[in-house]
């Protein structure tokens, strides 16, 4: 086989892989695009079978979702509850995960592999298996329908994943920088803030974004442990589904609005996310 034939074969394989990637991306994007399009239809048009692409567009679903004109329940309290729980738990996860990952990578403790396995083992228990004990503890401590209970739960749920991710990111920090900082008399807080954090910033951004997404989308604990006061946006979405009447366009409008914070955060941290996910890769 000549060199030109090999180059032609590589180009064909590259084009085939590119086409496959585009098809997979379109397949994942189509349901989202359909949801957004349906949110601009009236309920009668959204409920037709098969759905009509040429149906007139309207903001009726969004007006109903936001309760314009005094109709319906305001979605702002659930949205603010989700934002509070997600942001607060993400900050707590970073505060706890970075020192833990530092101790497991740059300054490894004894039996650090056992520690990592312990963190991983906490994710092996199904969430529903721990729901009843958590409910009883929350009931006895009078923390039911309290947003700070969700902050504690989301922090504990995301911390193991964050520690594993941050360990692989911090392993890329040059040890020579830490030795130079130690010679200059820098303590642990100074080393973490001024040396480790700037170098591992892409990894920190990736970890924060994933923790935020997991917290924002969580439904099981929010559904069982909250009520009127601390209900989150996923719980609010489930309340829009009724056994009577048409609700598809309104639910699509609500899902689009609820998805916007995650999309905005993803686009804002896109560069850092790509850099962070590439850290720790096989060289």
C-alpha atoms as a PDB file:
ATOM      1  CA  UNK A   1       0.000   0.000   0.000  1.00  0.00           C
ATOM      2  CA  UNK A   2       1.435   3.346  -1.025  1.00  0.00           C
ATOM      3  CA  UNK A   3       1.743   6.379   1.209  1.00  0.00           C
ATOM      4  CA  UNK A   4      -1.071   8.101  -0.686  1.00  0.00           C
ATOM      5  CA  UNK A   5      -3.381   5.156  -0.107  1.00  0.00           C
ATOM      6  CA  UNK A   6      -2.637   5.226   3.622  1.00  0.00           C
ATOM      7  CA  UNK A   7      -3.340   8.957   3.761  1.00  0.00           C
ATOM      8  CA  UNK A   8      -6.575   8.453   1.847  1.00  0.00           C
ATOM      9  CA  UNK A   9      -7.612   5.692   4.269  1.00  0.00           C
ATOM     10  CA  UNK A  10      -6.905   7.931   7.265  1.00  0.00           C
ATOM     11  CA  UNK A  11      -8.952  10.734   5.744  1.00  0.00           C
ATOM     12  CA  UNK A  12     -11.872   8.372   5.137  1.00  0.00           C
ATOM     13  CA  UNK A  13     -11.708   7.047   8.697  1.00  0.00           C
ATOM     14  CA  UNK A  14     -11.471  10.595  10.054  1.00  0.00           C
ATOM     15  CA  UNK A  15     -14.462  11.687   7.985  1.00  0.00           C
ATOM     16  CA  UNK A  16     -16.446   8.644   9.138  1.00  0.00           C
ATOM     17  CA  UNK A  17     -15.637   9.353  12.783  1.00  0.00           C
ATOM     18  CA  UNK A  18     -16.548  13.011  12.344  1.00  0.00           C
ATOM     19  CA  UNK A  19     -19.859  12.118  10.717  1.00  0.00           C
ATOM     20  CA  UNK A  20     -20.616   9.637  13.506  1.00  0.00           C
ATOM     21  CA  UNK A  21     -19.850  12.275  16.131  1.00  0.00           C
ATOM     22  CA  UNK A  22     -22.147  14.768  14.415  1.00  0.00           C
ATOM     23  CA  UNK A  23     -24.962  12.212  14.187  1.00  0.00           C
ATOM     24  CA  UNK A  24     -24.594  11.344  17.878  1.00  0.00           C
ATOM     25  CA  UNK A  25     -24.592  15.039  18.800  1.00  0.00           C
ATOM     26  CA  UNK A  26     -27.716  15.694  16.742  1.00  0.00           C
ATOM     27  CA  UNK A  27     -29.447  12.663  18.265  1.00  0.00           C
ATOM     28  CA  UNK A  28     -28.772  14.003  21.772  1.00  0.00           C
ATOM     29  CA  UNK A  29     -29.769  17.550  20.814  1.00  0.00           C
ATOM     30  CA  UNK A  30     -33.046  16.737  19.052  1.00  0.00           C
ATOM     31  CA  UNK A  31     -35.092  16.033  22.238  1.00  0.00           C
ATOM     32  CA  UNK A  32     -33.906  19.323  23.730  1.00  0.00           C
ATOM     33  CA  UNK A  33     -34.736  21.222  20.547  1.00  0.00           C
ATOM     34  CA  UNK A  34     -38.161  19.551  20.442  1.00  0.00           C
ATOM     35  CA  UNK A  35     -38.798  20.548  24.070  1.00  0.00           C
ATOM     36  CA  UNK A  36     -37.938  24.178  23.347  1.00  0.00           C
ATOM     37  CA  UNK A  37     -40.092  24.228  20.209  1.00  0.00           C
ATOM     38  CA  UNK A  38     -43.043  22.661  22.042  1.00  0.00           C
ATOM     39  CA  UNK A  39     -42.766  25.294  24.766  1.00  0.00           C
ATOM     40  CA  UNK A  40     -43.733  27.939  22.178  1.00  0.00           C
ATOM     41  CA  UNK A  41     -46.897  26.104  21.106  1.00  0.00           C
ATOM     42  CA  UNK A  42     -50.384  26.235  22.531  1.00  0.00           C
ATOM     43  CA  UNK A  43     -51.558  23.270  24.553  1.00  0.00           C
ATOM     44  CA  UNK A  44     -53.941  22.107  21.833  1.00  0.00           C
ATOM     45  CA  UNK A  45     -51.150  22.173  19.216  1.00  0.00           C
ATOM     46  CA  UNK A  46     -48.643  20.483  21.533  1.00  0.00           C
ATOM     47  CA  UNK A  47     -51.056  17.634  22.279  1.00  0.00           C
ATOM     48  CA  UNK A  48     -51.730  16.731  18.647  1.00  0.00           C
ATOM     49  CA  UNK A  49     -50.568  13.340  17.408  1.00  0.00           C
ATOM     50  CA  UNK A  50     -48.416  13.535  15.394  1.00  0.00           C
ATOM     51  CA  UNK A  51     -47.153  16.931  16.616  1.00  0.00           C
ATOM     52  CA  UNK A  52     -47.314  19.788  14.154  1.00  0.00           C
ATOM     53  CA  UNK A  53     -44.091  21.613  13.308  1.00  0.00           C
ATOM     54  CA  UNK A  54     -45.994  24.372  11.516  1.00  0.00           C
ATOM     55  CA  UNK A  55     -48.164  25.263  14.515  1.00  0.00           C
ATOM     56  CA  UNK A  56     -48.228  28.991  15.374  1.00  0.00           C
ATOM     57  CA  UNK A  57     -45.752  30.105  18.022  1.00  0.00           C
ATOM     58  CA  UNK A  58     -46.826  31.797  21.237  1.00  0.00           C
ATOM     59  CA  UNK A  59     -45.521  32.711  24.689  1.00  0.00           C
ATOM     60  CA  UNK A  60     -48.658  31.387  26.368  1.00  0.00           C
ATOM     61  CA  UNK A  61     -46.801  28.541  28.108  1.00  0.00           C
ATOM     62  CA  UNK A  62     -44.198  30.903  29.584  1.00  0.00           C
ATOM     63  CA  UNK A  63     -46.874  33.328  30.742  1.00  0.00           C
ATOM     64  CA  UNK A  64     -48.663  30.513  32.531  1.00  0.00           C
ATOM     65  CA  UNK A  65     -45.436  29.252  34.079  1.00  0.00           C
ATOM     66  CA  UNK A  66     -44.490  32.652  35.482  1.00  0.00           C
ATOM     67  CA  UNK A  67     -48.060  33.281  36.607  1.00  0.00           C
ATOM     68  CA  UNK A  68     -48.531  36.447  34.546  1.00  0.00           C
ATOM     69  CA  UNK A  69     -51.880  37.994  35.379  1.00  0.00           C
ATOM     70  CA  UNK A  70     -52.113  36.382  38.797  1.00  0.00           C
ATOM     71  CA  UNK A  71     -52.824  32.864  37.561  1.00  0.00           C
ATOM     72  CA  UNK A  72     -50.933  29.876  38.981  1.00  0.00           C
ATOM     73  CA  UNK A  73     -48.209  29.580  41.623  1.00  0.00           C
ATOM     74  CA  UNK A  74     -45.068  31.680  41.389  1.00  0.00           C
ATOM     75  CA  UNK A  75     -41.987  29.647  40.360  1.00  0.00           C
ATOM     76  CA  UNK A  76     -39.515  32.087  41.911  1.00  0.00           C
ATOM     77  CA  UNK A  77     -39.343  30.520  45.418  1.00  0.00           C
ATOM     78  CA  UNK A  78     -38.479  27.040  44.028  1.00  0.00           C
ATOM     79  CA  UNK A  79     -35.934  28.549  41.640  1.00  0.00           C
ATOM     80  CA  UNK A  80     -34.302  30.519  44.457  1.00  0.00           C
ATOM     81  CA  UNK A  81     -34.295  27.413  46.663  1.00  0.00           C
ATOM     82  CA  UNK A  82     -32.534  25.419  43.940  1.00  0.00           C
ATOM     83  CA  UNK A  83     -30.017  28.216  43.427  1.00  0.00           C
ATOM     84  CA  UNK A  84     -29.326  28.489  47.167  1.00  0.00           C
ATOM     85  CA  UNK A  85     -28.913  24.748  47.675  1.00  0.00           C
ATOM     86  CA  UNK A  86     -26.768  24.278  44.558  1.00  0.00           C
ATOM     87  CA  UNK A  87     -24.436  27.234  45.082  1.00  0.00           C
ATOM     88  CA  UNK A  88     -23.999  26.714  48.835  1.00  0.00           C
ATOM     89  CA  UNK A  89     -23.352  22.980  48.508  1.00  0.00           C
ATOM     90  CA  UNK A  90     -20.925  23.517  45.615  1.00  0.00           C
ATOM     91  CA  UNK A  91     -18.905  26.022  47.646  1.00  0.00           C
ATOM     92  CA  UNK A  92     -18.804  23.632  50.609  1.00  0.00           C
ATOM     93  CA  UNK A  93     -17.735  20.780  48.324  1.00  0.00           C
ATOM     94  CA  UNK A  94     -14.820  22.815  46.974  1.00  0.00           C
ATOM     95  CA  UNK A  95     -13.739  23.944  50.451  1.00  0.00           C
ATOM     96  CA  UNK A  96     -13.647  20.331  51.636  1.00  0.00           C
ATOM     97  CA  UNK A  97     -12.520  18.560  48.455  1.00  0.00           C
ATOM     98  CA  UNK A  98      -9.437  20.636  47.633  1.00  0.00           C
ATOM     99  CA  UNK A  99      -7.605  20.023  50.966  1.00  0.00           C
ATOM    100  CA  UNK A 100      -8.662  16.367  50.911  1.00  0.00           C
ATOM    101  CA  UNK A 101      -7.382  15.903  47.359  1.00  0.00           C
ATOM    102  CA  UNK A 102      -4.177  17.742  48.308  1.00  0.00           C
ATOM    103  CA  UNK A 103      -3.598  15.259  51.120  1.00  0.00           C
ATOM    104  CA  UNK A 104      -4.271  12.317  48.797  1.00  0.00           C
ATOM    105  CA  UNK A 105      -2.128  13.446  45.877  1.00  0.00           C
ATOM    106  CA  UNK A 106       0.553  16.043  46.591  1.00  0.00           C
ATOM    107  CA  UNK A 107       1.034  15.181  50.266  1.00  0.00           C
ATOM    108  CA  UNK A 108      -0.241  11.588  50.345  1.00  0.00           C
ATOM    109  CA  UNK A 109      -1.314  10.230  53.722  1.00  0.00           C
ATOM    110  CA  UNK A 110      -0.822   6.640  54.818  1.00  0.00           C
ATOM    111  CA  UNK A 111      -3.092   4.105  53.117  1.00  0.00           C
ATOM    112  CA  UNK A 112      -4.392   6.754  50.762  1.00  0.00           C
ATOM    113  CA  UNK A 113      -5.735   4.048  48.453  1.00  0.00           C
ATOM    114  CA  UNK A 114      -8.004   2.827  51.265  1.00  0.00           C
ATOM    115  CA  UNK A 115      -9.219   6.376  51.778  1.00  0.00           C
ATOM    116  CA  UNK A 116     -10.082   6.725  48.098  1.00  0.00           C
ATOM    117  CA  UNK A 117     -11.904   3.403  48.158  1.00  0.00           C
ATOM    118  CA  UNK A 118     -13.874   4.555  51.186  1.00  0.00           C
ATOM    119  CA  UNK A 119     -14.962   7.678  49.317  1.00  0.00           C
ATOM    120  CA  UNK A 120     -15.960   5.545  46.340  1.00  0.00           C
ATOM    121  CA  UNK A 121     -17.821   3.025  48.511  1.00  0.00           C
ATOM    122  CA  UNK A 122     -20.164   5.749  49.751  1.00  0.00           C
ATOM    123  CA  UNK A 123     -21.598   5.971  46.210  1.00  0.00           C
ATOM    124  CA  UNK A 124     -22.401   2.244  46.095  1.00  0.00           C
ATOM    125  CA  UNK A 125     -25.458   2.548  48.343  1.00  0.00           C
ATOM    126  CA  UNK A 126     -28.639   3.401  46.393  1.00  0.00           C
ATOM    127  CA  UNK A 127     -30.058   6.745  47.430  1.00  0.00           C
ATOM    128  CA  UNK A 128     -33.470   5.280  48.141  1.00  0.00           C
ATOM    129  CA  UNK A 129     -31.918   2.860  50.670  1.00  0.00           C
ATOM    130  CA  UNK A 130     -30.830   5.750  52.874  1.00  0.00           C
ATOM    131  CA  UNK A 131     -33.987   7.794  52.413  1.00  0.00           C
ATOM    132  CA  UNK A 132     -35.908   6.512  55.454  1.00  0.00           C
ATOM    133  CA  UNK A 133     -33.048   6.954  57.990  1.00  0.00           C
ATOM    134  CA  UNK A 134     -32.369  10.448  56.665  1.00  0.00           C
ATOM    135  CA  UNK A 135     -36.070  11.288  56.870  1.00  0.00           C
ATOM    136  CA  UNK A 136     -36.245  10.114  60.498  1.00  0.00           C
ATOM    137  CA  UNK A 137     -33.121  12.092  61.450  1.00  0.00           C
ATOM    138  CA  UNK A 138     -34.493  15.205  59.731  1.00  0.00           C
ATOM    139  CA  UNK A 139     -37.835  14.738  61.473  1.00  0.00           C
ATOM    140  CA  UNK A 140     -36.253  14.373  64.927  1.00  0.00           C
ATOM    141  CA  UNK A 141     -33.987  17.385  64.372  1.00  0.00           C
ATOM    142  CA  UNK A 142     -36.881  19.449  62.969  1.00  0.00           C
ATOM    143  CA  UNK A 143     -35.101  20.042  59.661  1.00  0.00           C
ATOM    144  CA  UNK A 144     -37.851  18.802  57.362  1.00  0.00           C
ATOM    145  CA  UNK A 145     -38.741  21.349  54.704  1.00  0.00           C
ATOM    146  CA  UNK A 146     -35.476  23.209  55.433  1.00  0.00           C
ATOM    147  CA  UNK A 147     -33.235  24.283  52.569  1.00  0.00           C
ATOM    148  CA  UNK A 148     -30.101  23.804  54.701  1.00  0.00           C
ATOM    149  CA  UNK A 149     -30.892  20.112  55.022  1.00  0.00           C
ATOM    150  CA  UNK A 150     -30.603  19.872  51.243  1.00  0.00           C
ATOM    151  CA  UNK A 151     -27.318  21.807  51.376  1.00  0.00           C
ATOM    152  CA  UNK A 152     -25.891  19.240  53.803  1.00  0.00           C
ATOM    153  CA  UNK A 153     -27.170  16.299  51.759  1.00  0.00           C
ATOM    154  CA  UNK A 154     -25.967  17.654  48.430  1.00  0.00           C
ATOM    155  CA  UNK A 155     -22.547  18.371  49.914  1.00  0.00           C
ATOM    156  CA  UNK A 156     -22.206  14.821  51.236  1.00  0.00           C
ATOM    157  CA  UNK A 157     -23.466  13.348  47.957  1.00  0.00           C
ATOM    158  CA  UNK A 158     -21.079  15.298  45.706  1.00  0.00           C
ATOM    159  CA  UNK A 159     -18.015  15.300  47.949  1.00  0.00           C
ATOM    160  CA  UNK A 160     -16.733  11.781  47.023  1.00  0.00           C
ATOM    161  CA  UNK A 161     -16.889  12.529  43.294  1.00  0.00           C
ATOM    162  CA  UNK A 162     -15.249  15.916  43.834  1.00  0.00           C
ATOM    163  CA  UNK A 163     -12.383  14.381  45.831  1.00  0.00           C
ATOM    164  CA  UNK A 164     -11.715  11.823  43.111  1.00  0.00           C
ATOM    165  CA  UNK A 165     -11.781  14.471  40.400  1.00  0.00           C
ATOM    166  CA  UNK A 166      -9.654  16.977  42.297  1.00  0.00           C
ATOM    167  CA  UNK A 167      -7.067  14.336  43.132  1.00  0.00           C
ATOM    168  CA  UNK A 168      -6.437  13.656  39.443  1.00  0.00           C
ATOM    169  CA  UNK A 169      -6.269  17.401  38.766  1.00  0.00           C
ATOM    170  CA  UNK A 170      -3.901  18.203  41.645  1.00  0.00           C
ATOM    171  CA  UNK A 171      -1.624  15.343  40.631  1.00  0.00           C
ATOM    172  CA  UNK A 172      -0.654  17.530  37.651  1.00  0.00           C
ATOM    173  CA  UNK A 173       0.662  20.330  39.891  1.00  0.00           C
ATOM    174  CA  UNK A 174       4.501  20.352  39.750  1.00  0.00           C
ATOM    175  CA  UNK A 175       6.000  19.256  43.055  1.00  0.00           C
ATOM    176  CA  UNK A 176       8.848  21.731  42.562  1.00  0.00           C
ATOM    177  CA  UNK A 177       6.408  24.626  43.024  1.00  0.00           C
ATOM    178  CA  UNK A 178       5.326  23.236  46.375  1.00  0.00           C
ATOM    179  CA  UNK A 179       8.916  22.716  47.463  1.00  0.00           C
ATOM    180  CA  UNK A 180       9.768  26.300  46.513  1.00  0.00           C
ATOM    181  CA  UNK A 181       6.764  27.582  48.458  1.00  0.00           C
ATOM    182  CA  UNK A 182       7.792  25.500  51.474  1.00  0.00           C
ATOM    183  CA  UNK A 183      11.325  26.901  51.351  1.00  0.00           C
ATOM    184  CA  UNK A 184       9.870  30.416  51.287  1.00  0.00           C
ATOM    185  CA  UNK A 185       7.949  29.620  54.465  1.00  0.00           C
ATOM    186  CA  UNK A 186       4.436  29.348  52.983  1.00  0.00           C
ATOM    187  CA  UNK A 187       1.954  27.493  55.165  1.00  0.00           C
ATOM    188  CA  UNK A 188      -0.762  25.128  54.001  1.00  0.00           C
ATOM    189  CA  UNK A 189      -3.493  27.785  53.531  1.00  0.00           C
ATOM    190  CA  UNK A 190      -1.121  30.006  51.555  1.00  0.00           C
ATOM    191  CA  UNK A 191       0.050  27.082  49.444  1.00  0.00           C
ATOM    192  CA  UNK A 192      -3.509  26.041  48.614  1.00  0.00           C
ATOM    193  CA  UNK A 193      -4.736  29.549  47.793  1.00  0.00           C
ATOM    194  CA  UNK A 194      -1.718  31.067  46.028  1.00  0.00           C
ATOM    195  CA  UNK A 195       0.054  28.055  44.516  1.00  0.00           C
ATOM    196  CA  UNK A 196      -2.297  25.118  44.036  1.00  0.00           C
ATOM    197  CA  UNK A 197      -5.557  26.926  43.218  1.00  0.00           C
ATOM    198  CA  UNK A 198      -4.264  29.010  40.244  1.00  0.00           C
ATOM    199  CA  UNK A 199      -2.599  25.987  38.650  1.00  0.00           C
ATOM    200  CA  UNK A 200      -5.598  23.689  39.183  1.00  0.00           C
ATOM    201  CA  UNK A 201      -8.221  26.344  38.367  1.00  0.00           C
ATOM    202  CA  UNK A 202      -9.563  24.500  35.275  1.00  0.00           C
ATOM    203  CA  UNK A 203     -10.010  21.355  37.353  1.00  0.00           C
ATOM    204  CA  UNK A 204     -11.700  23.308  40.137  1.00  0.00           C
ATOM    205  CA  UNK A 205     -14.067  24.862  37.588  1.00  0.00           C
ATOM    206  CA  UNK A 206     -14.929  21.451  36.138  1.00  0.00           C
ATOM    207  CA  UNK A 207     -15.550  19.992  39.597  1.00  0.00           C
ATOM    208  CA  UNK A 208     -17.692  22.963  40.620  1.00  0.00           C
ATOM    209  CA  UNK A 209     -19.789  22.769  37.461  1.00  0.00           C
ATOM    210  CA  UNK A 210     -20.459  19.036  37.848  1.00  0.00           C
ATOM    211  CA  UNK A 211     -21.353  19.463  41.525  1.00  0.00           C
ATOM    212  CA  UNK A 212     -23.679  22.345  40.639  1.00  0.00           C
ATOM    213  CA  UNK A 213     -25.429  20.302  37.933  1.00  0.00           C
ATOM    214  CA  UNK A 214     -25.898  17.284  40.212  1.00  0.00           C
ATOM    215  CA  UNK A 215     -27.333  19.468  42.965  1.00  0.00           C
ATOM    216  CA  UNK A 216     -29.600  21.441  40.626  1.00  0.00           C
ATOM    217  CA  UNK A 217     -31.071  18.297  39.061  1.00  0.00           C
ATOM    218  CA  UNK A 218     -31.569  16.272  42.255  1.00  0.00           C
ATOM    219  CA  UNK A 219     -35.207  15.263  42.781  1.00  0.00           C
ATOM    220  CA  UNK A 220     -35.573  12.295  45.163  1.00  0.00           C
ATOM    221  CA  UNK A 221     -34.473  13.913  48.431  1.00  0.00           C
ATOM    222  CA  UNK A 222     -36.025  17.260  47.510  1.00  0.00           C
ATOM    223  CA  UNK A 223     -39.328  15.571  46.765  1.00  0.00           C
ATOM    224  CA  UNK A 224     -39.479  13.636  50.057  1.00  0.00           C
ATOM    225  CA  UNK A 225     -37.774  15.994  52.512  1.00  0.00           C
ATOM    226  CA  UNK A 226     -39.234  19.337  51.434  1.00  0.00           C
ATOM    227  CA  UNK A 227     -42.686  20.815  51.178  1.00  0.00           C
ATOM    228  CA  UNK A 228     -43.997  24.316  50.662  1.00  0.00           C
ATOM    229  CA  UNK A 229     -41.062  26.297  52.076  1.00  0.00           C
ATOM    230  CA  UNK A 230     -37.960  24.539  50.704  1.00  0.00           C
ATOM    231  CA  UNK A 231     -39.299  22.936  47.529  1.00  0.00           C
ATOM    232  CA  UNK A 232     -36.853  23.106  44.608  1.00  0.00           C
ATOM    233  CA  UNK A 233     -37.434  23.626  40.907  1.00  0.00           C
ATOM    234  CA  UNK A 234     -37.476  19.877  39.988  1.00  0.00           C
ATOM    235  CA  UNK A 235     -40.177  19.360  42.611  1.00  0.00           C
ATOM    236  CA  UNK A 236     -42.077  22.314  41.177  1.00  0.00           C
ATOM    237  CA  UNK A 237     -41.839  20.766  37.709  1.00  0.00           C
ATOM    238  CA  UNK A 238     -43.401  17.504  38.853  1.00  0.00           C
ATOM    239  CA  UNK A 239     -46.331  19.465  40.274  1.00  0.00           C
ATOM    240  CA  UNK A 240     -47.186  20.755  36.812  1.00  0.00           C
ATOM    241  CA  UNK A 241     -48.100  17.260  35.603  1.00  0.00           C
ATOM    242  CA  UNK A 242     -51.773  16.640  36.313  1.00  0.00           C
ATOM    243  CA  UNK A 243     -54.236  13.865  35.563  1.00  0.00           C
ATOM    244  CA  UNK A 244     -56.682  16.247  33.909  1.00  0.00           C
ATOM    245  CA  UNK A 245     -56.334  18.894  31.245  1.00  0.00           C
ATOM    246  CA  UNK A 246     -53.479  19.710  28.878  1.00  0.00           C
ATOM    247  CA  UNK A 247     -50.108  20.607  30.326  1.00  0.00           C
ATOM    248  CA  UNK A 248     -47.407  19.593  27.809  1.00  0.00           C
ATOM    249  CA  UNK A 249     -46.547  23.074  26.510  1.00  0.00           C
ATOM    250  CA  UNK A 250     -46.433  24.515  30.029  1.00  0.00           C
ATOM    251  CA  UNK A 251     -44.193  21.702  31.264  1.00  0.00           C
ATOM    252  CA  UNK A 252     -41.849  22.202  28.296  1.00  0.00           C
ATOM    253  CA  UNK A 253     -41.708  25.939  29.005  1.00  0.00           C
ATOM    254  CA  UNK A 254     -40.954  25.268  32.675  1.00  0.00           C
ATOM    255  CA  UNK A 255     -38.288  22.684  31.812  1.00  0.00           C
ATOM    256  CA  UNK A 256     -36.651  25.153  29.418  1.00  0.00           C
ATOM    257  CA  UNK A 257     -36.521  27.866  32.078  1.00  0.00           C
ATOM    258  CA  UNK A 258     -35.197  25.462  34.723  1.00  0.00           C
ATOM    259  CA  UNK A 259     -32.489  24.251  32.332  1.00  0.00           C
ATOM    260  CA  UNK A 260     -31.216  27.764  31.580  1.00  0.00           C
ATOM    261  CA  UNK A 261     -29.015  28.215  34.726  1.00  0.00           C
ATOM    262  CA  UNK A 262     -27.157  24.981  33.988  1.00  0.00           C
ATOM    263  CA  UNK A 263     -26.710  25.931  30.326  1.00  0.00           C
ATOM    264  CA  UNK A 264     -25.496  29.416  31.226  1.00  0.00           C
ATOM    265  CA  UNK A 265     -23.024  28.016  33.771  1.00  0.00           C
ATOM    266  CA  UNK A 266     -21.794  25.472  31.236  1.00  0.00           C
ATOM    267  CA  UNK A 267     -21.224  28.047  28.513  1.00  0.00           C
ATOM    268  CA  UNK A 268     -19.577  30.469  30.959  1.00  0.00           C
ATOM    269  CA  UNK A 269     -17.124  27.811  32.163  1.00  0.00           C
ATOM    270  CA  UNK A 270     -16.744  26.056  28.814  1.00  0.00           C
ATOM    271  CA  UNK A 271     -13.033  26.816  28.339  1.00  0.00           C
ATOM    272  CA  UNK A 272     -12.161  25.951  31.931  1.00  0.00           C
ATOM    273  CA  UNK A 273     -14.295  22.806  31.734  1.00  0.00           C
ATOM    274  CA  UNK A 274     -12.477  21.529  28.635  1.00  0.00           C
ATOM    275  CA  UNK A 275      -9.093  22.270  30.185  1.00  0.00           C
ATOM    276  CA  UNK A 276     -10.110  20.695  33.473  1.00  0.00           C
ATOM    277  CA  UNK A 277     -11.428  17.498  31.924  1.00  0.00           C
ATOM    278  CA  UNK A 278      -8.199  17.164  29.952  1.00  0.00           C
ATOM    279  CA  UNK A 279      -6.079  17.282  33.125  1.00  0.00           C
ATOM    280  CA  UNK A 280      -5.010  13.954  34.464  1.00  0.00           C
ATOM    281  CA  UNK A 281      -5.333  12.329  31.048  1.00  0.00           C
ATOM    282  CA  UNK A 282      -2.912   9.628  29.961  1.00  0.00           C
ATOM    283  CA  UNK A 283       0.154  11.286  28.501  1.00  0.00           C
END
